[in-house]
């Protein structure tokens, strides 16, 4: 959890750190959900005013044989629902709203979503889809399911556990990512979601 300043509010530096941990936890839990092997997950404070450096490394087998496009897109956008689970997400969002210039915070999930849109546009250029249609498709078929997965209690708890581990240790190996994500039992995967919410 983010520490409090003398006035009882979390410090800016700790908001960066918490946001980064939940951002990376979103990626990590989605990787476990999709059986994508992670080699390492880390967050490193860069000092006040410089935010936090984040990184995810994949196992050699994943690099040699990348996952299907839809899995790669889900991995990219998973940082968005992950960040929104951070205890002080509302405070962080308010800081962005209150400042005219963007703050150098770790709120980079929007960049992940844009990257996903760029990847999708390259892959589906031959379909002749216009940008607006592609954007709506990404929201419906990738961002929507990613958020839905993280609304289930077992998956939310996994994000919290993984983020707490990252805030404590700063770097985790692939097995440690899996252990933290699965400590509460099996995660709810897509098949289970389709049975619960319907497939259309």
Protein backbone atom coordinates (compact mmCIF):
# COMPACT_ATOMS: atom_id res chain seq x y z
CA UNK A 1 0.00 0.00 0.00
CA UNK A 2 1.12 3.56 -0.66
CA UNK A 3 2.51 5.36 2.38
CA UNK A 4 0.90 8.56 3.65
CA UNK A 5 2.42 12.02 3.86
CA UNK A 6 2.22 14.03 7.07
CA UNK A 7 -1.13 15.43 5.87
CA UNK A 8 -2.54 11.89 5.53
CA UNK A 9 -2.40 11.80 1.71
CA UNK A 10 -0.23 9.34 -0.21
CA UNK A 11 2.95 10.91 -1.52
CA UNK A 12 3.34 11.44 -5.25
CA UNK A 13 6.30 9.08 -5.39
CA UNK A 14 4.29 6.33 -3.70
CA UNK A 15 1.37 6.90 -6.05
CA UNK A 16 3.73 6.32 -8.97
CA UNK A 17 5.02 3.15 -7.37
CA UNK A 18 1.59 1.75 -6.54
CA UNK A 19 0.28 2.51 -10.02
CA UNK A 20 3.30 0.80 -11.61
CA UNK A 21 2.83 -2.29 -9.46
CA UNK A 22 -0.82 -2.66 -10.42
CA UNK A 23 -0.03 -1.91 -14.07
CA UNK A 24 2.52 -4.74 -14.15
CA UNK A 25 0.28 -7.02 -12.09
CA UNK A 26 -2.37 -6.65 -14.79
CA UNK A 27 0.10 -7.87 -17.39
CA UNK A 28 1.30 -10.66 -15.10
CA UNK A 29 -2.12 -12.05 -14.20
CA UNK A 30 -3.22 -11.97 -17.84
CA UNK A 31 -0.07 -13.89 -18.77
CA UNK A 32 -0.98 -16.58 -16.24
CA UNK A 33 -4.56 -16.64 -17.52
CA UNK A 34 -3.34 -17.17 -21.09
CA UNK A 35 -0.55 -19.61 -20.16
CA UNK A 36 2.10 -17.24 -21.50
CA UNK A 37 5.42 -17.93 -19.74
CA UNK A 38 6.92 -14.87 -18.04
CA UNK A 39 10.63 -14.87 -17.21
CA UNK A 40 10.55 -11.77 -14.97
CA UNK A 41 8.37 -8.86 -13.85
CA UNK A 42 9.83 -5.74 -12.22
CA UNK A 43 9.27 -2.17 -11.11
CA UNK A 44 12.17 0.12 -10.21
CA UNK A 45 11.84 3.58 -8.59
CA UNK A 46 13.86 6.17 -10.53
CA UNK A 47 13.85 8.91 -7.92
CA UNK A 48 11.44 11.75 -7.27
CA UNK A 49 10.25 13.47 -10.42
CA UNK A 50 11.23 10.59 -12.67
CA UNK A 51 8.53 8.02 -11.98
CA UNK A 52 9.07 4.30 -12.09
CA UNK A 53 10.69 2.04 -14.65
CA UNK A 54 8.65 -1.06 -15.44
CA UNK A 55 9.52 -4.21 -17.32
CA UNK A 56 8.17 -7.61 -18.26
CA UNK A 57 10.35 -10.30 -19.82
CA UNK A 58 8.99 -13.39 -21.51
CA UNK A 59 10.44 -16.89 -21.57
CA UNK A 60 12.62 -17.82 -24.54
CA UNK A 61 9.93 -20.19 -25.84
CA UNK A 62 7.43 -17.31 -26.04
CA UNK A 63 9.93 -15.13 -27.89
CA UNK A 64 10.67 -17.94 -30.35
CA UNK A 65 6.99 -18.72 -30.92
CA UNK A 66 4.88 -15.63 -30.11
CA UNK A 67 1.31 -16.19 -28.88
CA UNK A 68 -1.68 -15.60 -31.17
CA UNK A 69 -2.46 -11.96 -31.95
CA UNK A 70 -5.56 -11.90 -29.73
CA UNK A 71 -3.48 -13.10 -26.77
CA UNK A 72 -0.80 -10.48 -27.43
CA UNK A 73 -3.47 -7.78 -27.54
CA UNK A 74 -5.02 -8.99 -24.29
CA UNK A 75 -1.59 -8.91 -22.67
CA UNK A 76 -1.10 -5.31 -23.80
CA UNK A 77 -4.43 -3.93 -22.61
CA UNK A 78 -4.47 -5.88 -19.30
CA UNK A 79 -2.52 -3.02 -17.68
CA UNK A 80 -5.64 -0.82 -17.92
CA UNK A 81 -7.97 -2.85 -15.65
CA UNK A 82 -4.94 -3.70 -13.50
CA UNK A 83 -4.19 -0.03 -12.77
CA UNK A 84 -7.83 0.65 -11.94
CA UNK A 85 -7.65 -1.85 -9.08
CA UNK A 86 -4.96 0.19 -7.30
CA UNK A 87 -6.26 1.42 -3.91
CA UNK A 88 -5.41 5.05 -4.76
CA UNK A 89 -6.42 4.98 -8.42
CA UNK A 90 -9.08 7.67 -7.88
CA UNK A 91 -6.55 9.98 -6.21
CA UNK A 92 -4.14 9.49 -9.09
CA UNK A 93 -6.83 10.12 -11.70
CA UNK A 94 -7.80 13.35 -9.90
CA UNK A 95 -4.21 14.57 -10.07
CA UNK A 96 -4.24 14.11 -13.84
CA UNK A 97 -7.51 16.04 -14.07
CA UNK A 98 -6.32 18.89 -11.82
CA UNK A 99 -3.08 19.58 -13.72
CA UNK A 100 -3.03 21.21 -17.15
CA UNK A 101 0.16 19.50 -18.20
CA UNK A 102 0.31 15.69 -17.97
CA UNK A 103 2.14 14.57 -14.86
CA UNK A 104 5.10 12.19 -15.28
CA UNK A 105 3.17 9.39 -13.59
CA UNK A 106 3.16 5.72 -14.42
CA UNK A 107 -0.31 5.88 -15.95
CA UNK A 108 0.81 4.39 -19.23
CA UNK A 109 -2.01 1.92 -19.79
CA UNK A 110 -3.43 4.24 -22.46
CA UNK A 111 -0.19 3.80 -24.38
CA UNK A 112 -0.65 0.03 -24.14
CA UNK A 113 -4.16 0.38 -25.58
CA UNK A 114 -2.81 2.56 -28.42
CA UNK A 115 -0.08 0.00 -29.09
CA UNK A 116 -2.76 -2.68 -29.24
CA UNK A 117 -4.69 -0.63 -31.77
CA UNK A 118 -1.56 -0.19 -33.88
CA UNK A 119 -0.82 -3.93 -33.80
CA UNK A 120 -4.42 -4.71 -34.75
CA UNK A 121 -4.37 -2.16 -37.57
CA UNK A 122 -1.29 -3.78 -39.11
CA UNK A 123 -2.77 -7.27 -38.79
CA UNK A 124 -6.19 -6.39 -40.15
CA UNK A 125 -5.24 -3.77 -42.73
CA UNK A 126 -6.21 -6.20 -45.49
CA UNK A 127 -9.76 -6.34 -44.19
CA UNK A 128 -10.35 -2.74 -45.27
CA UNK A 129 -11.59 -1.64 -41.82
CA UNK A 130 -11.63 2.07 -41.14
CA UNK A 131 -9.94 3.38 -37.98
CA UNK A 132 -13.22 3.92 -36.10
CA UNK A 133 -14.44 0.40 -36.79
CA UNK A 134 -11.09 -1.05 -35.75
CA UNK A 135 -11.15 0.97 -32.53
CA UNK A 136 -14.66 -0.25 -31.68
CA UNK A 137 -13.65 -3.82 -32.46
CA UNK A 138 -10.65 -3.59 -30.14
CA UNK A 139 -12.88 -2.28 -27.35
CA UNK A 140 -15.51 -4.95 -27.88
CA UNK A 141 -13.27 -7.96 -28.46
CA UNK A 142 -10.16 -7.16 -26.39
CA UNK A 143 -10.54 -4.34 -23.86
CA UNK A 144 -14.04 -5.45 -22.84
CA UNK A 145 -13.06 -9.05 -22.11
CA UNK A 146 -9.90 -7.92 -20.28
CA UNK A 147 -11.94 -5.72 -17.94
CA UNK A 148 -14.55 -8.46 -17.51
CA UNK A 149 -11.89 -10.97 -16.48
CA UNK A 150 -10.60 -8.62 -13.78
CA UNK A 151 -14.11 -8.03 -12.42
CA UNK A 152 -14.25 -11.60 -11.08
CA UNK A 153 -13.25 -11.80 -7.39
CA UNK A 154 -10.60 -14.53 -7.82
CA UNK A 155 -8.82 -12.61 -10.60
CA UNK A 156 -9.05 -9.29 -8.76
CA UNK A 157 -7.50 -10.92 -5.71
CA UNK A 158 -4.68 -12.26 -7.90
CA UNK A 159 -3.92 -8.75 -9.19
CA UNK A 160 -3.80 -7.41 -5.62
CA UNK A 161 -1.48 -10.21 -4.47
CA UNK A 162 0.89 -9.78 -7.39
CA UNK A 163 0.95 -5.98 -7.02
CA UNK A 164 1.66 -6.27 -3.27
CA UNK A 165 4.52 -8.67 -4.01
CA UNK A 166 5.98 -6.24 -6.54
CA UNK A 167 5.72 -3.31 -4.14
CA UNK A 168 7.57 -5.35 -1.51
CA UNK A 169 10.25 -7.01 -3.63
CA UNK A 170 10.37 -4.89 -6.84
CA UNK A 171 11.29 -7.86 -9.05
CA UNK A 172 9.79 -11.33 -9.42
CA UNK A 173 10.83 -14.35 -11.44
CA UNK A 174 8.36 -16.17 -13.68
CA UNK A 175 7.65 -18.92 -11.11
CA UNK A 176 7.11 -16.25 -8.44
CA UNK A 177 4.63 -14.44 -10.69
CA UNK A 178 2.68 -17.67 -11.14
CA UNK A 179 2.84 -18.51 -7.43
CA UNK A 180 1.50 -15.09 -6.40
CA UNK A 181 -1.25 -15.13 -9.03
CA UNK A 182 -2.38 -18.67 -8.17
CA UNK A 183 -2.00 -18.50 -4.38
CA UNK A 184 -5.77 -18.14 -4.00
CA UNK A 185 -6.57 -21.05 -6.30
CA UNK A 186 -7.25 -21.36 -10.04
CA UNK A 187 -8.07 -18.16 -11.92
CA UNK A 188 -11.31 -17.71 -13.85
CA UNK A 189 -10.50 -18.18 -17.51
CA UNK A 190 -12.39 -17.32 -20.67
CA UNK A 191 -14.26 -20.62 -20.90
CA UNK A 192 -15.68 -20.12 -17.43
CA UNK A 193 -16.64 -16.55 -18.27
CA UNK A 194 -18.50 -17.66 -21.38
CA UNK A 195 -20.47 -20.17 -19.31
CA UNK A 196 -21.30 -17.52 -16.73
CA UNK A 197 -22.06 -14.50 -18.90
CA UNK A 198 -22.89 -16.07 -22.25
CA UNK A 199 -20.81 -15.93 -25.42
CA UNK A 200 -22.70 -13.21 -27.25
